Amino acid sequence: MKRRYRQVKNLDGSNSMVEIIAQPRQAIHEVMQDTIEPFMSPVTGEMIESRQQLHKHMKENNLANTADFTEHWKVKAHERSEMSKGNFDRPARLEEIKKSIYRLEHGYKDHPDVNRDIRELDR
């Protein structure tokens, strides 16, 4: 095994080399992921006791972890603050509002005629 040394200043002002003794390192997965406390799923009622089980449960039930959306929430918060200051594309915003009203009035239909019908509303 390769030896490593560090230079240390002595009390008399001279320098000397001291060997650095390597200590065993933890495996990276032990450092990165701690264990989770067992809990009961509010969706299915089953006990979740490991990260693997949690991952499987979330995939099977089409769930997402809120921690996955922290950047999304920051971006949306910034967009809301800009919008409240009046910094937004007014014509695009009006177009989105018209589309939303149309969809509400017509039972949330996502249909290709939506854009044509909205253009007719603009006249």
PDB file of N, CA and C in Angstrom:
ATOM      1  N   MET A   1       0.836  -1.169   0.000  1.00  0.00           N
ATOM      2  CA  MET A   1       0.000   0.000   0.000  1.00  0.00           C
ATOM      3  C   MET A   1       0.888   1.242   0.000  1.00  0.00           C
ATOM      4  N   LYS A   2       0.465   2.242  -0.745  1.00  0.00           N
ATOM      5  CA  LYS A   2       1.223   3.476  -0.855  1.00  0.00           C
ATOM      6  C   LYS A   2       1.177   4.244   0.468  1.00  0.00           C
ATOM      7  N   ARG A   3       2.335   4.728   0.888  1.00  0.00           N
ATOM      8  CA  ARG A   3       2.396   5.504   2.131  1.00  0.00           C
ATOM      9  C   ARG A   3       2.254   6.986   1.823  1.00  0.00           C
ATOM     10  N   ARG A   4       1.602   7.699   2.749  1.00  0.00           N
ATOM     11  CA  ARG A   4       1.435   9.151   2.584  1.00  0.00           C
ATOM     12  C   ARG A   4       2.036   9.849   3.793  1.00  0.00           C
ATOM     13  N   TYR A   5       2.602  11.044   3.536  1.00  0.00           N
ATOM     14  CA  TYR A   5       3.252  11.813   4.597  1.00  0.00           C
ATOM     15  C   TYR A   5       2.749  13.255   4.574  1.00  0.00           C
ATOM     16  N   ARG A   6       2.869  13.882   5.742  1.00  0.00           N
ATOM     17  CA  ARG A   6       2.505  15.282   5.880  1.00  0.00           C
ATOM     18  C   ARG A   6       3.677  16.008   6.528  1.00  0.00           C
ATOM     19  N   GLN A   7       3.940  17.226   6.052  1.00  0.00           N
ATOM     20  CA  GLN A   7       5.033  18.018   6.623  1.00  0.00           C
ATOM     21  C   GLN A   7       4.511  18.774   7.831  1.00  0.00           C
ATOM     22  N   VAL A   8       5.227  18.647   8.966  1.00  0.00           N
ATOM     23  CA  VAL A   8       4.816  19.268  10.221  1.00  0.00           C
ATOM     24  C   VAL A   8       5.954  20.142  10.725  1.00  0.00           C
ATOM     25  N   LYS A   9       5.604  21.326  11.201  1.00  0.00           N
ATOM     26  CA  LYS A   9       6.608  22.240  11.749  1.00  0.00           C
ATOM     27  C   LYS A   9       6.844  21.878  13.218  1.00  0.00           C
ATOM     28  N   ASN A  10       8.120  21.669  13.593  1.00  0.00           N
ATOM     29  CA  ASN A  10       8.477  21.322  14.972  1.00  0.00           C
ATOM     30  C   ASN A  10       8.565  22.581  15.817  1.00  0.00           C
ATOM     31  N   LEU A  11       8.658  22.400  17.154  1.00  0.00           N
ATOM     32  CA  LEU A  11       8.749  23.534  18.074  1.00  0.00           C
ATOM     33  C   LEU A  11      10.014  24.368  17.851  1.00  0.00           C
ATOM     34  N   ASP A  12      11.105  23.730  17.427  1.00  0.00           N
ATOM     35  CA  ASP A  12      12.354  24.461  17.211  1.00  0.00           C
ATOM     36  C   ASP A  12      12.391  25.158  15.851  1.00  0.00           C
ATOM     37  N   GLY A  13      11.307  25.083  15.067  1.00  0.00           N
ATOM     38  CA  GLY A  13      11.246  25.745  13.775  1.00  0.00           C
ATOM     39  C   GLY A  13      11.609  24.865  12.598  1.00  0.00           C
ATOM     40  N   SER A  14      12.137  23.693  12.856  1.00  0.00           N
ATOM     41  CA  SER A  14      12.475  22.787  11.750  1.00  0.00           C
ATOM     42  C   SER A  14      11.228  22.021  11.298  1.00  0.00           C
ATOM     43  N   ASN A  15      11.329  21.441  10.116  1.00  0.00           N
ATOM     44  CA  ASN A  15      10.219  20.663   9.563  1.00  0.00           C
ATOM     45  C   ASN A  15      10.555  19.182   9.580  1.00  0.00           C
ATOM     46  N   SER A  16       9.534  18.367   9.774  1.00  0.00           N
ATOM     47  CA  SER A  16       9.730  16.926   9.688  1.00  0.00           C
ATOM     48  C   SER A  16       8.511  16.302   9.007  1.00  0.00           C
ATOM     49  N   MET A  17       8.687  15.122   8.470  1.00  0.00           N
ATOM     50  CA  MET A  17       7.619  14.414   7.779  1.00  0.00           C
ATOM     51  C   MET A  17       7.001  13.395   8.730  1.00  0.00           C
ATOM     52  N   VAL A  18       5.669  13.381   8.786  1.00  0.00           N
ATOM     53  CA  VAL A  18       4.931  12.455   9.638  1.00  0.00           C
ATOM     54  C   VAL A  18       4.031  11.617   8.742  1.00  0.00           C
ATOM     55  N   GLU A  19       4.069  10.293   8.957  1.00  0.00           N
ATOM     56  CA  GLU A  19       3.248   9.411   8.129  1.00  0.00           C
ATOM     57  C   GLU A  19       1.775   9.570   8.485  1.00  0.00           C
ATOM     58  N   ILE A  20       0.942   9.624   7.450  1.00  0.00           N
ATOM     59  CA  ILE A  20      -0.512   9.685   7.637  1.00  0.00           C
ATOM     60  C   ILE A  20      -1.017   8.247   7.619  1.00  0.00           C
ATOM     61  N   ILE A  21      -1.650   7.851   8.691  1.00  0.00           N
ATOM     62  CA  ILE A  21      -2.154   6.486   8.801  1.00  0.00           C
ATOM     63  C   ILE A  21      -3.589   6.483   8.251  1.00  0.00           C
ATOM     64  N   ALA A  22      -3.805   5.688   7.228  1.00  0.00           N
ATOM     65  CA  ALA A  22      -5.124   5.619   6.593  1.00  0.00           C
ATOM     66  C   ALA A  22      -6.101   4.888   7.497  1.00  0.00           C
ATOM     67  N   GLN A  23      -7.302   5.447   7.608  1.00  0.00           N
ATOM     68  CA  GLN A  23      -8.352   4.802   8.374  1.00  0.00           C
ATOM     69  C   GLN A  23      -9.351   4.197   7.400  1.00  0.00           C
ATOM     70  N   PRO A  24      -9.932   3.085   7.773  1.00  0.00           N
ATOM     71  CA  PRO A  24     -10.895   2.462   6.849  1.00  0.00           C
ATOM     72  C   PRO A  24     -12.068   3.406   6.576  1.00  0.00           C
ATOM     73  N   ARG A  25     -12.461   3.464   5.303  1.00  0.00           N
ATOM     74  CA  ARG A  25     -13.561   4.343   4.897  1.00  0.00           C
ATOM     75  C   ARG A  25     -14.857   3.550   4.824  1.00  0.00           C
ATOM     76  N   GLN A  26     -15.942   4.255   5.064  1.00  0.00           N
ATOM     77  CA  GLN A  26     -17.246   3.633   4.894  1.00  0.00           C
ATOM     78  C   GLN A  26     -17.552   3.537   3.406  1.00  0.00           C
ATOM     79  N   ALA A  27     -18.284   2.533   3.048  1.00  0.00           N
ATOM     80  CA  ALA A  27     -18.715   2.431   1.655  1.00  0.00           C
ATOM     81  C   ALA A  27     -19.608   3.624   1.338  1.00  0.00           C
ATOM     82  N   ILE A  28     -19.521   4.112   0.099  1.00  0.00           N
ATOM     83  CA  ILE A  28     -20.231   5.342  -0.266  1.00  0.00           C
ATOM     84  C   ILE A  28     -21.741   5.215  -0.116  1.00  0.00           C
ATOM     85  N   HIS A  29     -22.299   4.037  -0.379  1.00  0.00           N
ATOM     86  CA  HIS A  29     -23.748   3.892  -0.248  1.00  0.00           C
ATOM     87  C   HIS A  29     -24.197   4.000   1.203  1.00  0.00           C
ATOM     88  N   GLU A  30     -23.323   3.656   2.148  1.00  0.00           N
ATOM     89  CA  GLU A  30     -23.661   3.791   3.561  1.00  0.00           C
ATOM     90  C   GLU A  30     -23.682   5.258   3.958  1.00  0.00           C
ATOM     91  N   VAL A  31     -22.828   6.035   3.344  1.00  0.00           N
ATOM     92  CA  VAL A  31     -22.758   7.462   3.653  1.00  0.00           C
ATOM     93  C   VAL A  31     -23.921   8.199   2.994  1.00  0.00           C
ATOM     94  N   MET A  32     -24.252   7.825   1.766  1.00  0.00           N
ATOM     95  CA  MET A  32     -25.250   8.537   0.988  1.00  0.00           C
ATOM     96  C   MET A  32     -26.679   8.279   1.475  1.00  0.00           C
ATOM     97  N   GLN A  33     -27.007   7.057   1.798  1.00  0.00           N
ATOM     98  CA  GLN A  33     -28.378   6.735   2.161  1.00  0.00           C
ATOM     99  C   GLN A  33     -28.448   6.173   3.564  1.00  0.00           C
ATOM    100  N   ASP A  34     -29.184   6.870   4.403  1.00  0.00           N
ATOM    101  CA  ASP A  34     -29.409   6.333   5.725  1.00  0.00           C
ATOM    102  C   ASP A  34     -30.655   5.450   5.674  1.00  0.00           C
ATOM    103  N   THR A  35     -30.873   4.716   6.722  1.00  0.00           N
ATOM    104  CA  THR A  35     -32.045   3.835   6.756  1.00  0.00           C
ATOM    105  C   THR A  35     -33.285   4.684   7.001  1.00  0.00           C
ATOM    106  N   ILE A  36     -34.416   4.166   6.602  1.00  0.00           N
ATOM    107  CA  ILE A  36     -35.661   4.892   6.833  1.00  0.00           C
ATOM    108  C   ILE A  36     -36.433   4.227   7.953  1.00  0.00           C
ATOM    109  N   GLU A  37     -37.223   5.026   8.627  1.00  0.00           N
ATOM    110  CA  GLU A  37     -38.067   4.488   9.686  1.00  0.00           C
ATOM    111  C   GLU A  37     -39.249   3.766   9.033  1.00  0.00           C
ATOM    112  N   PRO A  38     -39.597   2.582   9.496  1.00  0.00           N
ATOM    113  CA  PRO A  38     -40.764   1.890   8.935  1.00  0.00           C
ATOM    114  C   PRO A  38     -42.027   2.731   9.138  1.00  0.00           C
ATOM    115  N   PHE A  39     -42.875   2.748   8.110  1.00  0.00           N
ATOM    116  CA  PHE A  39     -44.130   3.492   8.200  1.00  0.00           C
ATOM    117  C   PHE A  39     -45.198   2.787   7.387  1.00  0.00           C
ATOM    118  N   MET A  40     -46.448   3.136   7.673  1.00  0.00           N
ATOM    119  CA  MET A  40     -47.563   2.557   6.946  1.00  0.00           C
ATOM    120  C   MET A  40     -47.938   3.485   5.798  1.00  0.00           C
ATOM    121  N   SER A  41     -48.064   2.924   4.621  1.00  0.00           N
ATOM    122  CA  SER A  41     -48.436   3.701   3.440  1.00  0.00           C
ATOM    123  C   SER A  41     -49.860   4.212   3.583  1.00  0.00           C
ATOM    124  N   PRO A  42     -50.076   5.527   3.396  1.00  0.00           N
ATOM    125  CA  PRO A  42     -51.440   6.042   3.457  1.00  0.00           C
ATOM    126  C   PRO A  42     -52.266   5.642   2.238  1.00  0.00           C
ATOM    127  N   VAL A  43     -51.592   5.196   1.178  1.00  0.00           N
ATOM    128  CA  VAL A  43     -52.283   4.820  -0.053  1.00  0.00           C
ATOM    129  C   VAL A  43     -52.815   3.396   0.024  1.00  0.00           C
ATOM    130  N   THR A  44     -51.951   2.438   0.390  1.00  0.00           N
ATOM    131  CA  THR A  44     -52.343   1.033   0.379  1.00  0.00           C
ATOM    132  C   THR A  44     -52.469   0.415   1.772  1.00  0.00           C
ATOM    133  N   GLY A  45     -51.886   1.053   2.781  1.00  0.00           N
ATOM    134  CA  GLY A  45     -51.946   0.513   4.135  1.00  0.00           C
ATOM    135  C   GLY A  45     -50.857  -0.492   4.445  1.00  0.00           C
ATOM    136  N   GLU A  46     -49.970  -0.792   3.489  1.00  0.00           N
ATOM    137  CA  GLU A  46     -48.897  -1.757   3.743  1.00  0.00           C
ATOM    138  C   GLU A  46     -47.729  -1.078   4.473  1.00  0.00           C
ATOM    139  N   MET A  47     -46.950  -1.887   5.194  1.00  0.00           N
ATOM    140  CA  MET A  47     -45.784  -1.367   5.908  1.00  0.00           C
ATOM    141  C   MET A  47     -44.611  -1.251   4.946  1.00  0.00           C
ATOM    142  N   ILE A  48     -43.971  -0.091   4.953  1.00  0.00           N
ATOM    143  CA  ILE A  48     -42.776   0.166   4.139  1.00  0.00           C
ATOM    144  C   ILE A  48     -41.603   0.180   5.099  1.00  0.00           C
ATOM    145  N   GLU A  49     -40.633  -0.727   4.874  1.00  0.00           N
ATOM    146  CA  GLU A  49     -39.536  -0.871   5.827  1.00  0.00           C
ATOM    147  C   GLU A  49     -38.155  -0.632   5.230  1.00  0.00           C
ATOM    148  N   SER A  50     -38.053  -0.480   3.904  1.00  0.00           N
ATOM    149  CA  SER A  50     -36.747  -0.242   3.295  1.00  0.00           C
ATOM    150  C   SER A  50     -36.896   0.706   2.109  1.00  0.00           C
ATOM    151  N   ARG A  51     -35.772   1.274   1.676  1.00  0.00           N
ATOM    152  CA  ARG A  51     -35.797   2.168   0.517  1.00  0.00           C
ATOM    153  C   ARG A  51     -36.207   1.423  -0.742  1.00  0.00           C
ATOM    154  N   GLN A  52     -35.755   0.189  -0.872  1.00  0.00           N
ATOM    155  CA  GLN A  52     -36.119  -0.620  -2.030  1.00  0.00           C
ATOM    156  C   GLN A  52     -37.629  -0.843  -2.072  1.00  0.00           C
ATOM    157  N   GLN A  53     -38.202  -1.152  -0.939  1.00  0.00           N
ATOM    158  CA  GLN A  53     -39.642  -1.363  -0.844  1.00  0.00           C
ATOM    159  C   GLN A  53     -40.391  -0.054  -1.120  1.00  0.00           C
ATOM    160  N   LEU A  54     -39.866   1.062  -0.633  1.00  0.00           N
ATOM    161  CA  LEU A  54     -40.467   2.372  -0.874  1.00  0.00           C
ATOM    162  C   LEU A  54     -40.451   2.704  -2.362  1.00  0.00           C
ATOM    163  N   HIS A  55     -39.306   2.465  -3.010  1.00  0.00           N
ATOM    164  CA  HIS A  55     -39.182   2.745  -4.438  1.00  0.00           C
ATOM    165  C   HIS A  55     -40.194   1.912  -5.237  1.00  0.00           C
ATOM    166  N   LYS A  56     -40.297   0.628  -4.909  1.00  0.00           N
ATOM    167  CA  LYS A  56     -41.233  -0.262  -5.595  1.00  0.00           C
ATOM    168  C   LYS A  56     -42.674   0.194  -5.375  1.00  0.00           C
ATOM    169  N   HIS A  57     -42.998   0.542  -4.129  1.00  0.00           N
ATOM    170  CA  HIS A  57     -44.351   0.994  -3.779  1.00  0.00           C
ATOM    171  C   HIS A  57     -44.715   2.271  -4.549  1.00  0.00           C
ATOM    172  N   MET A  58     -43.775   3.209  -4.622  1.00  0.00           N
ATOM    173  CA  MET A  58     -44.045   4.468  -5.311  1.00  0.00           C
ATOM    174  C   MET A  58     -44.224   4.249  -6.812  1.00  0.00           C
ATOM    175  N   LYS A  59     -43.438   3.354  -7.379  1.00  0.00           N
ATOM    176  CA  LYS A  59     -43.550   3.067  -8.810  1.00  0.00           C
ATOM    177  C   LYS A  59     -44.880   2.377  -9.126  1.00  0.00           C
ATOM    178  N   GLU A  60     -45.268   1.395  -8.313  1.00  0.00           N
ATOM    179  CA  GLU A  60     -46.505   0.649  -8.547  1.00  0.00           C
ATOM    180  C   GLU A  60     -47.744   1.529  -8.414  1.00  0.00           C
ATOM    181  N   ASN A  61     -47.695   2.517  -7.525  1.00  0.00           N
ATOM    182  CA  ASN A  61     -48.860   3.349  -7.256  1.00  0.00           C
ATOM    183  C   ASN A  61     -48.787   4.728  -7.913  1.00  0.00           C
ATOM    184  N   ASN A  62     -47.814   4.897  -8.818  1.00  0.00           N
ATOM    185  CA  ASN A  62     -47.661   6.145  -9.561  1.00  0.00           C
ATOM    186  C   ASN A  62     -47.534   7.344  -8.616  1.00  0.00           C
ATOM    187  N   LEU A  63     -46.628   7.230  -7.640  1.00  0.00           N
ATOM    188  CA  LEU A  63     -46.405   8.286  -6.654  1.00  0.00           C
ATOM    189  C   LEU A  63     -45.060   8.955  -6.906  1.00  0.00           C
ATOM    190  N   ALA A  64     -44.882  10.139  -6.345  1.00  0.00           N
ATOM    191  CA  ALA A  64     -43.616  10.847  -6.458  1.00  0.00           C
ATOM    192  C   ALA A  64     -43.242  11.418  -5.096  1.00  0.00           C
ATOM    193  N   ASN A  65     -41.963  11.543  -4.862  1.00  0.00           N
ATOM    194  CA  ASN A  65     -41.450  12.111  -3.627  1.00  0.00           C
ATOM    195  C   ASN A  65     -41.428  13.631  -3.756  1.00  0.00           C
ATOM    196  N   THR A  66     -41.872  14.330  -2.732  1.00  0.00           N
ATOM    197  CA  THR A  66     -41.916  15.792  -2.805  1.00  0.00           C
ATOM    198  C   THR A  66     -40.522  16.390  -2.959  1.00  0.00           C
ATOM    199  N   ALA A  67     -39.495  15.692  -2.495  1.00  0.00           N
ATOM    200  CA  ALA A  67     -38.130  16.202  -2.623  1.00  0.00           C
ATOM    201  C   ALA A  67     -37.684  16.283  -4.081  1.00  0.00           C
ATOM    202  N   ASP A  68     -38.341  15.530  -4.962  1.00  0.00           N
ATOM    203  CA  ASP A  68     -37.992  15.574  -6.380  1.00  0.00           C
ATOM    204  C   ASP A  68     -38.415  16.873  -7.045  1.00  0.00           C
ATOM    205  N   PHE A  69     -39.259  17.647  -6.381  1.00  0.00           N
ATOM    206  CA  PHE A  69     -39.822  18.839  -7.006  1.00  0.00           C
ATOM    207  C   PHE A  69     -39.307  20.144  -6.415  1.00  0.00           C
ATOM    208  N   THR A  70     -38.259  20.123  -5.620  1.00  0.00           N
ATOM    209  CA  THR A  70     -37.802  21.352  -4.977  1.00  0.00           C
ATOM    210  C   THR A  70     -37.401  22.403  -6.000  1.00  0.00           C
ATOM    211  N   GLU A  71     -36.696  22.019  -7.045  1.00  0.00           N
ATOM    212  CA  GLU A  71     -36.309  22.990  -8.074  1.00  0.00           C
ATOM    213  C   GLU A  71     -37.536  23.491  -8.819  1.00  0.00           C
ATOM    214  N   HIS A  72     -38.481  22.597  -9.087  1.00  0.00           N
ATOM    215  CA  HIS A  72     -39.711  22.974  -9.783  1.00  0.00           C
ATOM    216  C   HIS A  72     -40.454  24.042  -8.979  1.00  0.00           C
ATOM    217  N   TRP A  73     -40.540  23.846  -7.664  1.00  0.00           N
ATOM    218  CA  TRP A  73     -41.258  24.789  -6.828  1.00  0.00           C
ATOM    219  C   TRP A  73     -40.548  26.135  -6.781  1.00  0.00           C
ATOM    220  N   LYS A  74     -39.216  26.117  -6.765  1.00  0.00           N
ATOM    221  CA  LYS A  74     -38.467  27.375  -6.769  1.00  0.00           C
ATOM    222  C   LYS A  74     -38.728  28.158  -8.043  1.00  0.00           C
ATOM    223  N   VAL A  75     -38.731  27.460  -9.175  1.00  0.00           N
ATOM    224  CA  VAL A  75     -38.984  28.119 -10.467  1.00  0.00           C
ATOM    225  C   VAL A  75     -40.392  28.693 -10.491  1.00  0.00           C
ATOM    226  N   LYS A  76     -41.370  27.903 -10.047  1.00  0.00           N
ATOM    227  CA  LYS A  76     -42.756  28.373 -10.054  1.00  0.00           C
ATOM    228  C   LYS A  76     -42.951  29.544  -9.088  1.00  0.00           C
ATOM    229  N   ALA A  77     -42.285  29.528  -7.949  1.00  0.00           N
ATOM    230  CA  ALA A  77     -42.380  30.648  -7.005  1.00  0.00           C
ATOM    231  C   ALA A  77     -41.817  31.920  -7.640  1.00  0.00           C
ATOM    232  N   HIS A  78     -40.707  31.778  -8.354  1.00  0.00           N
ATOM    233  CA  HIS A  78     -40.115  32.924  -9.046  1.00  0.00           C
ATOM    234  C   HIS A  78     -41.073  33.444 -10.123  1.00  0.00           C
ATOM    235  N   GLU A  79     -41.677  32.521 -10.879  1.00  0.00           N
ATOM    236  CA  GLU A  79     -42.630  32.930 -11.912  1.00  0.00           C
ATOM    237  C   GLU A  79     -43.820  33.671 -11.302  1.00  0.00           C
ATOM    238  N   ARG A  80     -44.323  33.178 -10.160  1.00  0.00           N
ATOM    239  CA  ARG A  80     -45.454  33.859  -9.516  1.00  0.00           C
ATOM    240  C   ARG A  80     -45.066  35.245  -9.039  1.00  0.00           C
ATOM    241  N   SER A  81     -43.870  35.372  -8.484  1.00  0.00           N
ATOM    242  CA  SER A  81     -43.452  36.694  -8.002  1.00  0.00           C
ATOM    243  C   SER A  81     -43.280  37.665  -9.169  1.00  0.00           C
ATOM    244  N   GLU A  82     -42.755  37.171 -10.290  1.00  0.00           N
ATOM    245  CA  GLU A  82     -42.612  38.027 -11.473  1.00  0.00           C
ATOM    246  C   GLU A  82     -43.982  38.418 -12.021  1.00  0.00           C
ATOM    247  N   MET A  83     -44.904  37.471 -11.997  1.00  0.00           N
ATOM    248  CA  MET A  83     -46.235  37.755 -12.515  1.00  0.00           C
ATOM    249  C   MET A  83     -46.944  38.781 -11.629  1.00  0.00           C
ATOM    250  N   SER A  84     -46.767  38.683 -10.312  1.00  0.00           N
ATOM    251  CA  SER A  84     -47.412  39.641  -9.413  1.00  0.00           C
ATOM    252  C   SER A  84     -46.837  41.045  -9.582  1.00  0.00           C
ATOM    253  N   LYS A  85     -45.608  41.133 -10.080  1.00  0.00           N
ATOM    254  CA  LYS A  85     -44.997  42.434 -10.367  1.00  0.00           C
ATOM    255  C   LYS A  85     -45.421  42.965 -11.733  1.00  0.00           C
ATOM    256  N   GLY A  86     -46.105  42.137 -12.507  1.00  0.00           N
ATOM    257  CA  GLY A  86     -46.544  42.555 -13.831  1.00  0.00           C
ATOM    258  C   GLY A  86     -45.568  42.208 -14.936  1.00  0.00           C
ATOM    259  N   ASN A  87     -44.569  41.394 -14.627  1.00  0.00           N
ATOM    260  CA  ASN A  87     -43.575  40.997 -15.630  1.00  0.00           C
ATOM    261  C   ASN A  87     -43.980  39.683 -16.288  1.00  0.00           C
ATOM    262  N   PHE A  88     -44.871  39.754 -17.275  1.00  0.00           N
ATOM    263  CA  PHE A  88     -45.256  38.562 -18.010  1.00  0.00           C
ATOM    264  C   PHE A  88     -45.735  38.963 -19.396  1.00  0.00           C
ATOM    265  N   ASP A  89     -45.843  37.983 -20.260  1.00  0.00           N
ATOM    266  CA  ASP A  89     -46.284  38.195 -21.637  1.00  0.00           C
ATOM    267  C   ASP A  89     -47.811  38.274 -21.639  1.00  0.00           C
ATOM    268  N   ARG A  90     -48.344  39.476 -21.696  1.00  0.00           N
ATOM    269  CA  ARG A  90     -49.785  39.690 -21.583  1.00  0.00           C
ATOM    270  C   ARG A  90     -50.593  38.945 -22.656  1.00  0.00           C
ATOM    271  N   PRO A  91     -50.257  39.032 -23.945  1.00  0.00           N
ATOM    272  CA  PRO A  91     -51.062  38.310 -24.946  1.00  0.00           C
ATOM    273  C   PRO A  91     -51.063  36.792 -24.723  1.00  0.00           C
ATOM    274  N   ALA A  92     -49.916  36.224 -24.365  1.00  0.00           N
ATOM    275  CA  ALA A  92     -49.850  34.778 -24.121  1.00  0.00           C
ATOM    276  C   ALA A  92     -50.694  34.418 -22.898  1.00  0.00           C
ATOM    277  N   ARG A  93     -50.661  35.260 -21.878  1.00  0.00           N
ATOM    278  CA  ARG A  93     -51.448  35.017 -20.665  1.00  0.00           C
ATOM    279  C   ARG A  93     -52.941  35.056 -20.985  1.00  0.00           C
ATOM    280  N   LEU A  94     -53.371  36.029 -21.760  1.00  0.00           N
ATOM    281  CA  LEU A  94     -54.781  36.118 -22.150  1.00  0.00           C
ATOM    282  C   LEU A  94     -55.208  34.902 -22.967  1.00  0.00           C
ATOM    283  N   GLU A  95     -54.328  34.442 -23.839  1.00  0.00           N
ATOM    284  CA  GLU A  95     -54.621  33.253 -24.643  1.00  0.00           C
ATOM    285  C   GLU A  95     -54.826  32.028 -23.748  1.00  0.00           C
ATOM    286  N   GLU A  96     -53.969  31.860 -22.744  1.00  0.00           N
ATOM    287  CA  GLU A  96     -54.108  30.730 -21.818  1.00  0.00           C
ATOM    288  C   GLU A  96     -55.405  30.828 -21.016  1.00  0.00           C
ATOM    289  N   ILE A  97     -55.778  32.029 -20.619  1.00  0.00           N
ATOM    290  CA  ILE A  97     -57.029  32.215 -19.865  1.00  0.00           C
ATOM    291  C   ILE A  97     -58.224  31.850 -20.745  1.00  0.00           C
ATOM    292  N   LYS A  98     -58.205  32.290 -22.003  1.00  0.00           N
ATOM    293  CA  LYS A  98     -59.297  31.961 -22.927  1.00  0.00           C
ATOM    294  C   LYS A  98     -59.397  30.452 -23.137  1.00  0.00           C
ATOM    295  N   LYS A  99     -58.269  29.780 -23.297  1.00  0.00           N
ATOM    296  CA  LYS A  99     -58.278  28.329 -23.470  1.00  0.00           C
ATOM    297  C   LYS A  99     -58.859  27.638 -22.239  1.00  0.00           C
ATOM    298  N   SER A 100     -58.477  28.115 -21.060  1.00  0.00           N
ATOM    299  CA  SER A 100     -58.964  27.507 -19.817  1.00  0.00           C
ATOM    300  C   SER A 100     -60.471  27.685 -19.681  1.00  0.00           C
ATOM    301  N   ILE A 101     -60.967  28.877 -19.995  1.00  0.00           N
ATOM    302  CA  ILE A 101     -62.413  29.132 -19.920  1.00  0.00           C
ATOM    303  C   ILE A 101     -63.154  28.245 -20.911  1.00  0.00           C
ATOM    304  N   TYR A 102     -62.619  28.149 -22.115  1.00  0.00           N
ATOM    305  CA  TYR A 102     -63.253  27.315 -23.133  1.00  0.00           C
ATOM    306  C   TYR A 102     -63.323  25.861 -22.668  1.00  0.00           C
ATOM    307  N   ARG A 103     -62.231  25.360 -22.119  1.00  0.00           N
ATOM    308  CA  ARG A 103     -62.200  23.964 -21.662  1.00  0.00           C
ATOM    309  C   ARG A 103     -63.188  23.732 -20.529  1.00  0.00           C
ATOM    310  N   LEU A 104     -63.301  24.699 -19.627  1.00  0.00           N
ATOM    311  CA  LEU A 104     -64.262  24.568 -18.535  1.00  0.00           C
ATOM    312  C   LEU A 104     -65.691  24.534 -19.065  1.00  0.00           C
ATOM    313  N   GLU A 105     -65.975  25.419 -20.003  1.00  0.00           N
ATOM    314  CA  GLU A 105     -67.328  25.493 -20.543  1.00  0.00           C
ATOM    315  C   GLU A 105     -67.689  24.272 -21.388  1.00  0.00           C
ATOM    316  N   HIS A 106     -66.710  23.601 -21.959  1.00  0.00           N
ATOM    317  CA  HIS A 106     -66.972  22.475 -22.844  1.00  0.00           C
ATOM    318  C   HIS A 106     -66.520  21.137 -22.244  1.00  0.00           C
ATOM    319  N   GLY A 107     -66.514  21.035 -20.941  1.00  0.00           N
ATOM    320  CA  GLY A 107     -66.250  19.772 -20.264  1.00  0.00           C
ATOM    321  C   GLY A 107     -64.827  19.274 -20.381  1.00  0.00           C
ATOM    322  N   TYR A 108     -63.845  20.160 -20.314  1.00  0.00           N
ATOM    323  CA  TYR A 108     -62.425  19.805 -20.334  1.00  0.00           C
ATOM    324  C   TYR A 108     -62.038  19.022 -21.577  1.00  0.00           C
ATOM    325  N   LYS A 109     -62.663  19.280 -22.681  1.00  0.00           N
ATOM    326  CA  LYS A 109     -62.316  18.558 -23.904  1.00  0.00           C
ATOM    327  C   LYS A 109     -60.978  19.057 -24.425  1.00  0.00           C
ATOM    328  N   ASP A 110     -60.083  18.140 -24.648  1.00  0.00           N
ATOM    329  CA  ASP A 110     -58.802  18.485 -25.246  1.00  0.00           C
ATOM    330  C   ASP A 110     -58.895  18.078 -26.710  1.00  0.00           C
ATOM    331  N   HIS A 111     -59.316  19.011 -27.523  1.00  0.00           N
ATOM    332  CA  HIS A 111     -59.671  18.715 -28.893  1.00  0.00           C
ATOM    333  C   HIS A 111     -58.937  19.676 -29.821  1.00  0.00           C
ATOM    334  N   PRO A 112     -58.565  19.240 -31.030  1.00  0.00           N
ATOM    335  CA  PRO A 112     -57.862  20.136 -31.953  1.00  0.00           C
ATOM    336  C   PRO A 112     -58.661  21.387 -32.317  1.00  0.00           C
ATOM    337  N   ASP A 113     -59.996  21.320 -32.211  1.00  0.00           N
ATOM    338  CA  ASP A 113     -60.814  22.480 -32.559  1.00  0.00           C
ATOM    339  C   ASP A 113     -60.744  23.586 -31.510  1.00  0.00           C
ATOM    340  N   VAL A 114     -60.117  23.307 -30.363  1.00  0.00           N
ATOM    341  CA  VAL A 114     -60.049  24.312 -29.298  1.00  0.00           C
ATOM    342  C   VAL A 114     -59.395  25.581 -29.817  1.00  0.00           C
ATOM    343  N   ASN A 115     -58.245  25.463 -30.471  1.00  0.00           N
ATOM    344  CA  ASN A 115     -57.546  26.656 -30.949  1.00  0.00           C
ATOM    345  C   ASN A 115     -58.379  27.397 -31.996  1.00  0.00           C
ATOM    346  N   ARG A 116     -59.058  26.656 -32.884  1.00  0.00           N
ATOM    347  CA  ARG A 116     -59.887  27.301 -33.901  1.00  0.00           C
ATOM    348  C   ARG A 116     -61.042  28.033 -33.240  1.00  0.00           C
ATOM    349  N   ASP A 117     -61.693  27.387 -32.274  1.00  0.00           N
ATOM    350  CA  ASP A 117     -62.827  28.016 -31.601  1.00  0.00           C
ATOM    351  C   ASP A 117     -62.404  29.244 -30.809  1.00  0.00           C
ATOM    352  N   ILE A 118     -61.219  29.198 -30.231  1.00  0.00           N
ATOM    353  CA  ILE A 118     -60.727  30.341 -29.459  1.00  0.00           C
ATOM    354  C   ILE A 118     -60.416  31.511 -30.405  1.00  0.00           C
ATOM    355  N   ARG A 119     -59.871  31.222 -31.562  1.00  0.00           N
ATOM    356  CA  ARG A 119     -59.613  32.296 -32.530  1.00  0.00           C
ATOM    357  C   ARG A 119     -60.923  32.963 -32.934  1.00  0.00           C
ATOM    358  N   GLU A 120     -62.009  32.180 -33.010  1.00  0.00           N
ATOM    359  CA  GLU A 120     -63.307  32.750 -33.347  1.00  0.00           C
ATOM    360  C   GLU A 120     -63.801  33.659 -32.228  1.00  0.00           C
ATOM    361  N   LEU A 121     -63.469  33.333 -30.974  1.00  0.00           N
ATOM    362  CA  LEU A 121     -63.860  34.174 -29.843  1.00  0.00           C
ATOM    363  C   LEU A 121     -63.171  35.534 -29.901  1.00  0.00           C
ATOM    364  N   ASP A 122     -61.957  35.572 -30.468  1.00  0.00           N
ATOM    365  CA  ASP A 122     -61.206  36.812 -30.528  1.00  0.00           C
ATOM    366  C   ASP A 122     -61.820  37.832 -31.474  1.00  0.00           C
ATOM    367  N   ARG A 123     -62.633  37.374 -32.410  1.00  0.00           N
ATOM    368  CA  ARG A 123     -63.216  38.293 -33.406  1.00  0.00           C
ATOM    369  C   ARG A 123     -64.288  39.152 -32.830  1.00  0.00           C
TER     370      ARG A 123
END
